[in-house]
Protein backbone atom coordinates (compact mmCIF):
# COMPACT_ATOMS: atom_id res chain seq x y z
CA MET A 1 -0.15 0.14 -0.07
CA SER A 2 1.26 3.41 -0.92
CA TRP A 3 2.03 6.08 1.55
CA LEU A 4 -0.58 8.14 -0.47
CA THR A 5 -3.09 5.44 0.29
CA ARG A 6 -2.15 4.92 3.48
CA LEU A 7 -2.42 8.87 4.58
CA THR A 8 -6.02 9.10 2.89
CA THR A 9 -7.33 6.06 4.73
CA LEU A 10 -6.35 7.34 7.89
CA VAL A 11 -7.82 10.82 6.93
CA ASN A 12 -10.97 9.16 6.39
CA GLN A 13 -11.01 7.23 9.15
CA ARG A 14 -10.26 10.16 11.73
CA LEU A 15 -12.40 12.54 9.97
CA GLY A 16 -15.61 10.33 9.06
CA ILE A 17 -15.44 11.55 5.77
CA ARG A 18 -14.36 9.94 2.98
CA LEU A 19 -12.41 12.42 0.98
CA SER A 20 -12.29 11.45 -2.53
CA LEU A 21 -8.64 10.91 -3.87
CA GLU A 22 -9.79 11.35 -7.72
CA GLY A 23 -8.04 14.70 -8.77
CA ARG A 24 -7.10 15.60 -5.57
CA GLU A 25 -3.45 13.61 -5.12
CA ASP A 26 -1.33 16.62 -5.91
CA THR A 27 -3.45 18.45 -3.25
CA PHE A 28 -2.44 15.37 -0.42
CA ARG A 29 1.21 15.52 -1.72
CA GLN A 30 1.48 19.37 -1.55
CA ALA A 31 -0.05 19.05 1.69
CA VAL A 32 2.25 16.21 3.22
CA ASN A 33 5.49 18.41 1.68
CA VAL A 34 4.36 21.33 3.71
CA ARG A 35 4.08 19.49 6.56
CA ALA A 36 7.00 17.13 6.73
CA ALA A 37 9.23 20.30 5.86
CA ALA A 38 7.89 21.74 8.78
CA LEU A 39 9.14 18.71 11.09
CA GLY A 40 12.24 18.27 9.63
CA LEU A 41 11.32 15.07 7.78
CA THR A 42 12.55 14.32 4.42
CA THR A 43 10.21 11.52 2.83
CA PRO A 44 6.30 11.43 2.54
CA GLU A 45 6.79 8.07 4.39
CA GLU A 46 8.39 9.54 7.41
CA TYR A 47 5.48 11.61 7.86
CA VAL A 48 2.89 9.33 7.34
CA ALA A 49 4.52 7.17 9.93
CA ARG A 50 4.61 9.94 12.15
CA VAL A 51 1.02 10.78 12.18
CA SER A 52 -0.12 7.17 12.03
CA ARG A 53 1.52 6.70 15.34
CA THR A 54 -0.86 5.86 18.46
CA GLY A 55 -0.79 8.75 20.63
CA GLY A 56 0.40 10.92 17.76
CA SER A 57 0.25 15.07 17.77
CA GLU A 58 -3.58 15.82 17.31
CA GLU A 59 -2.26 19.31 16.84
CA GLU A 60 -0.35 18.12 13.87
CA PHE A 61 -3.28 15.81 12.45
CA GLN A 62 -5.27 19.24 12.43
CA SER A 63 -2.48 21.07 10.63
CA LEU A 64 -2.77 18.41 8.21
CA VAL A 65 -6.35 18.49 7.45
CA LEU A 66 -6.29 22.30 7.26
CA LEU A 67 -4.19 22.35 4.14
CA VAL A 68 -6.30 19.24 2.62
CA THR A 69 -9.53 20.59 3.34
CA ASN A 70 -9.52 24.61 3.69
CA GLY A 71 -10.95 25.94 0.93
CA HIS A 72 -11.05 29.63 -0.58
CA THR A 73 -13.44 31.93 0.88
CA SER A 74 -13.88 35.33 1.46
CA PHE A 75 -16.61 38.08 2.52
CA PHE A 76 -19.66 38.21 0.00
CA ARG A 77 -18.41 35.78 -2.12
CA ASP A 78 -20.61 35.00 -5.24
CA LEU A 79 -22.64 38.14 -4.81
CA GLU A 80 -25.08 37.27 -7.26
CA GLN A 81 -26.26 34.57 -5.44
CA LEU A 82 -26.24 36.43 -1.93
CA MET A 83 -28.19 39.18 -3.74
CA MET A 84 -30.94 36.70 -5.03
CA TRP A 85 -31.09 35.21 -1.47
CA ARG A 86 -31.80 38.96 -0.11
CA GLN A 87 -34.04 39.62 -2.76
CA VAL A 88 -36.16 36.53 -1.00
CA LEU A 89 -36.03 38.06 2.31
CA THR A 90 -36.77 41.31 1.23
CA GLN A 91 -39.97 39.86 -0.59
CA ASP A 92 -40.89 37.40 2.13
CA ALA A 93 -39.36 39.13 5.13
CA PRO A 94 -40.21 36.74 8.42
CA THR A 95 -41.65 37.61 11.20
CA ARG A 96 -39.73 36.01 13.86
CA ARG A 97 -35.90 35.41 14.26
CA LEU A 98 -34.12 33.76 10.99
CA GLN A 99 -32.47 30.59 11.83
CA VAL A 100 -29.38 29.97 9.40
CA TRP A 101 -27.16 26.76 9.04
CA CYS A 102 -23.46 27.89 7.24
CA ALA A 103 -22.27 24.25 6.58
CA GLY A 104 -18.81 23.87 5.74
CA CYS A 105 -18.01 27.82 7.07
CA SER A 106 -14.22 27.48 6.85
CA THR A 107 -12.90 30.30 8.57
CA GLY A 108 -16.22 32.38 9.22
CA GLU A 109 -16.70 34.81 6.29
CA GLU A 110 -19.51 33.27 4.94
CA ALA A 111 -21.35 33.39 8.26
CA TYR A 112 -20.57 36.87 9.16
CA THR A 113 -21.67 37.84 5.55
CA ILE A 114 -25.08 36.28 6.21
CA ALA A 115 -25.48 37.97 9.60
CA MET A 116 -24.34 41.56 8.15
CA LEU A 117 -27.26 41.02 5.26
CA CYS A 118 -29.67 40.11 7.64
CA LYS A 119 -28.53 43.01 9.85
CA GLU A 120 -28.38 45.70 7.11
CA LEU A 121 -32.31 44.21 6.00
CA GLY A 122 -33.31 44.86 9.61
CA LEU A 123 -34.03 41.32 10.38
CA ALA A 124 -33.36 39.28 13.45
CA VAL A 125 -31.20 36.33 13.02
CA GLU A 126 -29.05 33.44 14.47
CA VAL A 127 -26.05 32.08 12.21
CA LEU A 128 -24.50 28.81 13.17
CA GLY A 129 -21.00 28.32 11.56
CA THR A 130 -20.02 24.53 11.25
CA ASP A 131 -16.73 23.09 10.09
CA ILE A 132 -14.99 19.77 10.79
CA ASN A 133 -11.62 21.82 11.10
CA LYS A 134 -10.71 22.82 14.38
CA ALA A 135 -8.08 25.29 13.19
CA SER A 136 -10.84 27.24 10.73
CA LEU A 137 -13.01 27.67 13.78
CA THR A 138 -10.60 29.15 16.05
CA ILE A 139 -10.06 32.05 13.25
CA ALA A 140 -13.54 32.27 12.85
CA GLN A 141 -14.28 33.12 16.33
CA HIS A 142 -11.79 35.36 16.53
CA ALA A 143 -13.20 37.59 13.56
CA HIS A 144 -9.98 39.17 12.90
CA TYR A 145 -9.38 39.18 9.34
CA ASP A 146 -6.68 40.67 6.52
CA PRO A 147 -7.71 43.27 4.18
CA TRP A 148 -7.33 41.12 1.16
CA THR A 149 -10.30 38.76 2.14
CA THR A 150 -12.53 41.68 3.03
CA ARG A 151 -11.60 43.59 -0.15
CA ARG A 152 -15.21 42.75 -2.03
CA ILE A 153 -17.22 44.03 0.73
CA PRO A 154 -19.69 46.33 -0.67
CA GLU A 155 -19.39 49.69 0.57
CA GLU A 156 -22.79 49.87 2.48
CA TYR A 157 -21.51 46.63 4.87
CA ALA A 158 -18.25 48.41 5.40
CA ARG A 159 -19.30 49.92 8.65
CA PHE A 160 -19.96 46.42 10.05
CA LEU A 161 -16.00 45.98 9.95
CA VAL A 162 -13.63 48.09 12.66
CA SER A 163 -9.98 48.75 12.60
CA ALA A 164 -7.83 46.42 14.47
CA GLY A 165 -3.96 47.66 13.60
CA GLU A 166 -3.16 46.04 10.42
CA GLN A 167 -6.26 43.90 10.38
CA LEU A 168 -10.19 44.56 10.26
CA ARG A 169 -12.59 42.81 13.12
CA VAL A 170 -16.14 42.16 12.67
CA ALA A 171 -18.42 44.41 14.75
CA ASP A 172 -19.65 43.03 18.03
CA SER A 173 -23.28 43.94 16.75
CA VAL A 174 -22.61 41.15 14.17
CA ARG A 175 -20.67 38.67 16.14
CA ALA A 176 -23.54 38.54 18.53
CA SER A 177 -25.76 36.97 15.84
CA VAL A 178 -23.43 33.98 14.99
CA ARG A 179 -21.62 31.18 16.71
CA PHE A 180 -19.57 28.60 15.72
CA GLN A 181 -19.55 24.61 16.26
CA GLN A 182 -17.26 21.80 15.11
CA HIS A 183 -19.48 19.51 13.01
CA ASN A 184 -18.99 16.23 10.57
CA LEU A 185 -21.65 16.82 7.57
CA LEU A 186 -22.00 13.04 7.74
CA HIS A 187 -23.43 12.81 11.06
CA THR A 188 -26.59 14.11 12.50
CA PRO A 189 -27.42 17.86 11.82
CA PRO A 190 -27.63 20.38 14.61
CA ARG A 191 -30.67 21.94 15.40
CA PRO A 192 -31.31 25.77 15.95
CA ALA A 193 -31.04 26.95 19.60
CA ALA A 194 -35.01 27.74 19.36
CA GLY A 195 -35.52 24.01 18.29
CA GLN A 196 -37.11 24.27 15.14
CA LYS A 197 -35.77 23.68 11.75
CA TRP A 198 -33.65 25.72 9.60
CA ASP A 199 -35.18 28.61 7.52
CA VAL A 200 -31.70 28.61 5.41
CA ILE A 201 -28.63 26.37 4.97
CA PHE A 202 -25.84 27.51 3.36
CA CYS A 203 -23.29 25.05 2.22
CA ARG A 204 -21.49 26.35 -0.63
CA ASN A 205 -18.14 25.18 -2.32
CA VAL A 206 -18.45 22.17 -0.01
CA PHE A 207 -19.52 18.86 -1.90
CA ILE A 208 -16.07 19.26 -4.06
CA TYR A 209 -14.51 17.68 -0.79
CA PHE A 210 -17.12 14.58 -1.39
CA PRO A 211 -17.06 11.70 -3.27
CA LEU A 212 -20.22 11.64 -5.31
CA GLU A 213 -22.14 8.70 -3.00
CA GLU A 214 -21.68 10.84 0.04
CA VAL A 215 -23.32 14.18 -1.79
CA GLY A 216 -26.59 12.13 -1.76
CA HIS A 217 -26.10 11.20 2.27
CA VAL A 218 -25.38 14.77 3.10
CA ALA A 219 -28.31 16.10 0.89
CA ARG A 220 -30.52 13.72 2.91
CA TRP A 221 -29.41 15.43 6.02
CA PHE A 222 -30.13 18.77 4.75
CA ALA A 223 -33.38 17.70 3.31
CA SER A 224 -34.51 16.26 7.27
CA ALA A 225 -33.40 19.80 8.91
CA LEU A 226 -34.36 22.19 6.45
CA ALA A 227 -37.97 23.92 7.24
CA PRO A 228 -40.42 23.27 4.70
CA ASP A 229 -40.53 26.63 3.08
CA GLY A 230 -36.84 26.89 3.64
CA HIS A 231 -33.74 27.49 1.07
CA LEU A 232 -31.03 25.66 0.56
CA LEU A 233 -28.09 27.55 -1.26
CA ILE A 234 -25.01 25.59 -2.60
CA GLY A 235 -22.23 26.65 -4.81
CA ALA A 236 -22.93 27.43 -8.29
CA SER A 237 -20.90 24.51 -9.94
CA GLU A 238 -22.48 22.09 -7.49
CA ARG A 239 -25.90 19.70 -8.18
CA LEU A 240 -28.19 17.92 -5.76
CA PRO A 241 -28.48 14.57 -6.53
CA ASP A 242 -32.01 13.88 -6.50
CA LEU A 243 -34.16 16.61 -8.08
CA LYS A 244 -37.63 14.81 -7.42
CA ARG A 245 -37.01 15.96 -3.85
CA TRP A 246 -36.01 19.63 -4.46
CA VAL A 247 -37.40 22.11 -6.41
CA ILE A 248 -35.17 24.87 -8.08
CA GLN A 249 -35.56 28.54 -7.56
CA SER A 250 -33.57 30.66 -10.33
CA LYS A 251 -33.16 34.59 -10.90
CA GLY A 252 -30.56 35.00 -13.75
CA SER A 253 -27.48 32.30 -13.53
CA ARG A 254 -28.01 31.69 -9.76
CA HIS A 255 -30.52 29.38 -8.02
CA THR A 256 -31.38 28.36 -4.21
CA TYR A 257 -33.22 25.01 -3.68
CA GLN A 258 -36.38 24.29 -1.65
CA LEU A 259 -38.02 21.11 -0.84
CA ALA A 260 -40.58 19.50 -2.87
CA ALA A 261 -43.71 18.48 -1.66
CA MET A 262 -43.62 14.48 -1.21
CA ASN A 263 -46.15 11.88 0.01
CA ASP A 264 -44.46 9.18 2.48
CA GLU A 265 -44.07 6.69 -0.59
CA GLU A 266 -42.63 8.84 -3.06
CA SER A 267 -40.29 10.11 -0.35
CA HIS A 268 -39.21 6.09 0.46
CA GLN A 269 -39.18 5.57 -3.73
CA THR A 270 -36.64 8.44 -4.30
CA GLU A 271 -33.60 7.16 -5.92
CA TRP A 272 -30.16 8.94 -4.95
CA SER A 273 -27.47 9.05 -8.02
CA LEU A 274 -25.46 12.03 -8.83
CA ALA A 275 -23.77 9.99 -11.51
CA SER A 276 -26.97 9.48 -13.32
CA GLN A 277 -28.00 13.07 -13.06
CA LEU A 278 -24.41 14.45 -14.76
CA GLU A 279 -24.20 11.36 -17.23
CA THR A 280 -27.70 11.21 -18.50
CA PRO A 281 -29.55 13.93 -20.30
CA ARG A 282 -33.56 14.30 -19.46
CA SER A 283 -35.88 12.70 -21.61
CA SER A 284 -37.80 16.06 -22.01
CA PRO A 285 -36.42 19.12 -22.17
CA ALA A 286 -39.46 20.81 -20.82
CA ASP A 287 -38.22 18.94 -17.41
CA ALA A 288 -35.53 20.55 -16.97
CA PRO A 289 -34.71 24.25 -15.89
CA PRO A 290 -34.04 26.85 -18.60
CA LEU A 291 -29.96 26.87 -19.47
CA SER A 292 -29.94 30.54 -18.54
CA SER A 293 -31.09 29.84 -15.09
CA VAL A 294 -28.52 26.92 -14.10
CA ALA A 295 -25.03 27.76 -14.12
CA PRO A 296 -22.86 25.08 -15.90
CA PHE A 297 -21.61 22.11 -14.07
CA LEU A 298 -17.64 22.29 -14.16
CA ASP A 299 -14.95 19.65 -14.28
CA ALA A 300 -13.20 20.50 -11.05
CA PRO A 301 -9.73 22.23 -11.94
CA PRO A 302 -6.62 20.86 -11.08
CA PRO A 303 -5.61 21.32 -7.53
CA LEU A 304 -4.71 24.55 -5.99
CA ASP A 305 -0.77 24.85 -4.99
CA LEU A 306 -1.07 24.85 -1.31
CA ARG A 307 2.68 25.29 -0.72
CA ALA A 308 2.84 28.87 0.62
CA ALA A 309 -0.80 29.45 1.75
CA PRO A 310 -0.37 32.60 4.22
CA ALA A 311 -0.75 31.43 7.59
CA THR A 312 -0.11 34.72 8.76
CA ALA A 313 -1.28 38.43 8.27
CA MET A 314 -0.24 39.93 5.13
CA THR A 315 2.24 42.74 6.11
CA LEU A 316 0.31 46.09 4.86
CA PRO A 317 2.52 48.44 2.85
CA SER A 318 3.15 52.14 4.38
CA ASP A 319 0.94 55.14 3.40
CA GLU A 320 4.59 56.12 1.50
CA ASP A 321 4.59 52.66 -0.31
CA VAL A 322 1.53 53.07 -1.11
CA GLU A 323 1.49 56.21 -2.90
CA ALA A 324 4.76 55.00 -4.52
CA PHE A 325 3.03 52.32 -6.27
CA SER A 326 -0.13 54.58 -7.15
CA GLN A 327 2.22 56.08 -9.57
CA VAL A 328 2.71 52.88 -11.19
CA ASN A 329 -0.55 53.62 -12.53
CA VAL A 330 0.42 56.75 -13.69
CA LEU A 331 3.16 55.56 -16.16
CA ILE A 332 0.83 52.59 -17.41
CA GLU A 333 -1.42 55.39 -18.54
CA ALA A 334 0.81 57.39 -19.84
CA LYS A 335 2.02 53.85 -21.79
CA SER A 336 5.80 54.12 -20.40
CA ASN A 337 5.38 50.32 -19.42
CA HIS A 338 9.48 49.90 -18.98
CA LEU A 339 9.71 52.71 -16.65
CA ALA A 340 6.43 51.09 -14.79
CA VAL A 341 8.37 47.80 -14.35
CA VAL A 342 11.24 49.53 -13.10
CA ASP A 343 8.99 51.02 -10.48
CA VAL A 344 6.73 48.02 -9.85
CA ARG A 345 10.00 46.00 -9.18
CA LYS A 346 11.16 48.44 -6.64
CA PHE A 347 8.05 48.31 -4.76
CA LEU A 348 8.06 44.31 -4.68
CA ASP A 349 11.91 44.39 -3.44
CA ALA A 350 10.54 46.00 0.02
CA HIS A 351 6.82 43.83 -0.52
CA PRO A 352 7.72 40.70 -2.38
CA ASN A 353 4.41 39.35 -1.43
CA HIS A 354 2.26 42.21 -2.40
CA VAL A 355 -0.27 40.36 -4.70
CA PRO A 356 -1.09 43.64 -6.70
CA ALA A 357 1.93 44.34 -7.57
CA LEU A 358 3.23 41.03 -8.86
CA LEU A 359 -0.20 40.56 -10.85
CA THR A 360 0.80 43.99 -12.55
CA LEU A 361 4.45 43.18 -12.83
CA GLY A 362 3.34 40.06 -14.64
CA CYS A 363 0.87 41.79 -16.75
CA LEU A 364 3.74 44.48 -17.78
CA GLU A 365 5.98 41.67 -18.88
CA LEU A 366 3.37 40.25 -20.88
CA ALA A 367 2.36 43.41 -22.50
CA GLN A 368 6.26 43.58 -23.43
CA HIS A 369 5.99 39.73 -24.86
CA ARG A 370 8.38 38.34 -21.89
CA PHE A 371 6.41 35.54 -21.18
CA ASP A 372 8.71 33.65 -19.28
CA ASP A 373 8.91 36.85 -16.82
CA ALA A 374 5.09 37.19 -16.95
CA LEU A 375 4.67 33.32 -15.93
CA ALA A 376 7.19 33.99 -13.13
CA ALA A 377 5.62 37.10 -11.45
CA PHE A 378 2.08 35.35 -12.00
CA GLY A 379 3.55 32.21 -9.94
CA ALA A 380 4.78 34.26 -7.10
CA ALA A 381 1.20 35.81 -7.05
CA ALA A 382 0.14 32.61 -6.64
CA ASP A 383 2.13 31.24 -3.96
CA ALA A 384 1.41 34.70 -2.22
CA ASP A 385 -2.72 34.37 -2.28
CA PRO A 386 -3.65 30.47 -4.24
CA PHE A 387 -7.11 31.49 -3.98
CA LEU A 388 -7.37 34.84 -6.21
CA PRO A 389 -9.10 34.23 -9.67
CA ASP A 390 -7.38 36.89 -11.03
CA THR A 391 -4.02 35.17 -11.03
CA TYR A 392 -4.97 32.50 -13.11
CA LEU A 393 -6.78 34.50 -15.33
CA PHE A 394 -3.67 35.89 -16.49
CA GLN A 395 -1.86 32.71 -16.27
CA GLY A 396 -4.59 31.19 -18.84
CA ILE A 397 -4.10 34.45 -20.72
CA THR A 398 -0.33 33.91 -21.44
CA HIS A 399 -0.53 30.37 -21.65
CA ARG A 400 -3.23 31.30 -24.89
CA LYS A 401 -0.80 33.22 -26.38
CA LEU A 402 2.10 30.87 -26.28
CA GLY A 403 -0.46 28.41 -27.99
CA ASN A 404 -0.43 26.37 -25.20
CA LEU A 405 -4.11 25.62 -25.24
CA GLU A 406 -4.55 22.69 -22.74
CA THR A 407 -2.59 24.69 -19.90
CA ALA A 408 -4.55 28.01 -20.82
CA ARG A 409 -7.82 26.05 -20.64
CA GLN A 410 -6.91 24.20 -17.24
CA SER A 411 -5.77 27.75 -15.92
CA LEU A 412 -9.29 29.29 -16.71
CA GLN A 413 -11.14 26.88 -15.45
CA ARG A 414 -9.24 27.12 -12.15
CA ALA A 415 -10.10 30.82 -12.28
CA LEU A 416 -13.75 29.99 -12.46
CA PHE A 417 -14.10 27.16 -10.21
CA LEU A 418 -13.01 29.89 -7.73
CA ALA A 419 -15.32 32.77 -8.72
CA PRO A 420 -17.87 30.94 -11.32
CA GLU A 421 -19.21 34.62 -11.95
CA PHE A 422 -15.64 35.91 -13.24
CA TRP A 423 -16.86 37.07 -16.90
CA PRO A 424 -12.91 37.94 -17.80
CA ALA A 425 -12.06 34.15 -17.52
CA SER A 426 -15.55 32.82 -18.92
CA PHE A 427 -14.96 35.04 -21.99
CA MET A 428 -10.96 33.93 -22.66
CA LEU A 429 -12.34 30.50 -22.40
CA ILE A 430 -14.60 30.85 -25.21
CA GLY A 431 -11.67 31.56 -27.67
CA VAL A 432 -9.48 28.82 -25.94
CA TYR A 433 -12.28 26.23 -26.62
CA GLU A 434 -13.18 27.79 -30.34
CA ARG A 435 -9.31 26.90 -31.13
CA LEU A 436 -9.72 23.34 -29.60
CA GLY A 437 -12.77 22.85 -31.51
CA GLN A 438 -14.67 22.27 -28.49
CA HIS A 439 -18.04 23.90 -29.85
CA LYS A 440 -20.31 22.66 -26.90
CA GLU A 441 -18.27 23.99 -24.48
CA LEU A 442 -17.73 27.32 -26.12
CA THR A 443 -21.66 27.79 -26.21
CA ARG A 444 -21.61 27.01 -22.50
CA GLU A 445 -18.92 29.33 -21.64
CA LEU A 446 -20.74 32.38 -24.21
CA ARG A 447 -24.16 31.67 -22.03
CA ARG A 448 -21.97 32.40 -19.35
CA THR A 449 -20.41 35.26 -20.09
CA LEU A 450 -23.66 36.64 -21.18
CA GLY A 451 -25.30 36.16 -18.40
CA VAL A 452 -22.80 37.66 -15.66
CA LEU A 453 -22.62 40.85 -18.21
CA ASN A 454 -26.62 41.05 -18.65
CA GLY A 455 -27.17 40.64 -14.94
CA GLY A 456 -25.14 44.01 -14.51
CA GLN A 457 -22.05 42.45 -13.00
CA ASP A 458 -19.32 44.08 -15.52
CA THR A 459 -16.54 45.05 -12.63
CA GLU A 460 -17.40 42.44 -10.17
CA HIS A 461 -14.08 40.42 -9.14
CA LEU A 462 -11.37 42.38 -10.58
CA SER A 463 -8.72 42.71 -7.94
CA PRO A 464 -8.11 46.02 -6.27
CA GLY A 465 -5.00 47.79 -7.19
CA VAL A 466 -4.55 45.99 -10.91
CA HIS A 467 -4.87 48.46 -13.55
CA ARG A 468 -8.22 47.90 -15.30
CA LEU A 469 -5.95 48.42 -18.70
CA PHE A 470 -5.08 44.58 -17.94
CA TYR A 471 -8.46 43.40 -18.01
CA PRO A 472 -11.15 42.92 -21.29
CA ARG A 473 -13.68 45.93 -21.35
CA ALA A 474 -17.26 44.78 -20.63
CA ASP A 475 -18.72 46.46 -23.88
CA GLU A 476 -16.13 45.04 -26.16
CA VAL A 477 -16.63 41.17 -24.39
CA ARG A 478 -20.31 41.79 -24.75
CA GLU A 479 -20.04 42.99 -28.17
CA ALA A 480 -17.45 39.79 -29.30
CA CYS A 481 -19.91 37.50 -27.45
CA LEU A 482 -23.03 38.49 -29.98
CA ILE A 483 -20.89 37.80 -32.66
CA TYR A 484 -20.05 34.16 -31.43
CA ALA A 485 -23.44 33.78 -30.70
CA GLU A 486 -24.13 35.17 -34.63
CA LYS A 487 -21.91 32.15 -35.40
CA GLY A 488 -23.32 30.06 -33.26
CA ALA A 489 -26.05 28.52 -35.81
CA GLN A 490 -22.94 26.78 -37.50
CA PHE A 491 -22.21 24.66 -34.36
């Protein structure tokens, strides 16, 4: 038995979750390399022997779990879906305290986001955030976050954060509505403090860690814990296995799930098979939700590089440094790219992990066709923050220019995996699919891009500090998509 198999067996036994190894071998290998180096061990076999030992360090096992299971999260992630849910609350405001379960809450950003949305609407709410990872829950309870994590909070919600040195702290008025506890999604669901069922369950971008058969098991638990008129929100690229049990409520390219009315006999006869839902088309198009209302199911991208996942707060540049970096944008506007490269490199000498500066340098090198230097800068940005979709957008653009179409496709899919509504990446992916001759996939991305742009999210997910000249313009993208749509009759 290989060390990789022994390790996944150990993790599955200790967590009670049968994490799928398929497509995630690199994630496990990288996690082991990180932890082995931290302990001064030289081989994966030594590390597996260490954590497998009876009486081994629980703290070390939790460090491994953090790397294996921790996903990308931020405040107000997938704003379109959140605004859809906000509209539901506005139209049908509850008369009692709202009970919300945030399952797989990671480090707490989503749980606090939910509380902020309700506070802004004047609604009383209790949010329970649960996760299997103790280290993540400790961060959530501390409620201190780097500015990078909070960068996409809409202006009207900024009042719910207060300055805490180099970090931002969630305001006490929000924290009072949120509590956290450890929970395994394969076990009996927690209940609201008041004893009733949950009005809303958030479980977004969690099913990617489960093999297919476990998704149905978790979905059954959700069905048992959700109020009859409640809502379930999952990731845009995820699907529930039993659509007989659920009703899809759609708006634009986002949707929520509600329980369908079923008698006892129907409930017992329902079959749970995610594989059949993905592989077998519906017999009648009338039974399916319209394409425009359902986000496409993406293949999971290659695993993210966890070698340099930041463990401590980002060091913020001084006001003088910020002013110096802002001059780079002035040079870019003046088309003095060679001078801008000099200035941004000077800035990076003092702040080597400053992600906007690394992305700016990469884009400047790309504009001057220095592709290797561009990829080196983008790689450094990915090391500093492996969960930023913009980085993989620019990597995809570079590889596309080099003719590395398969690598470009993987990079752009990774960006969309992190941010499904990131229209610059979906637009670039259209061109890649065209050159690969994959017309079905091209049409899918065309629908996605137009759906997001027509929904008014022209600038959503563009990183602050990175000059807008390095992104495709929304009006030009929309026009190009319409040209592709006209050609679509040939496909």
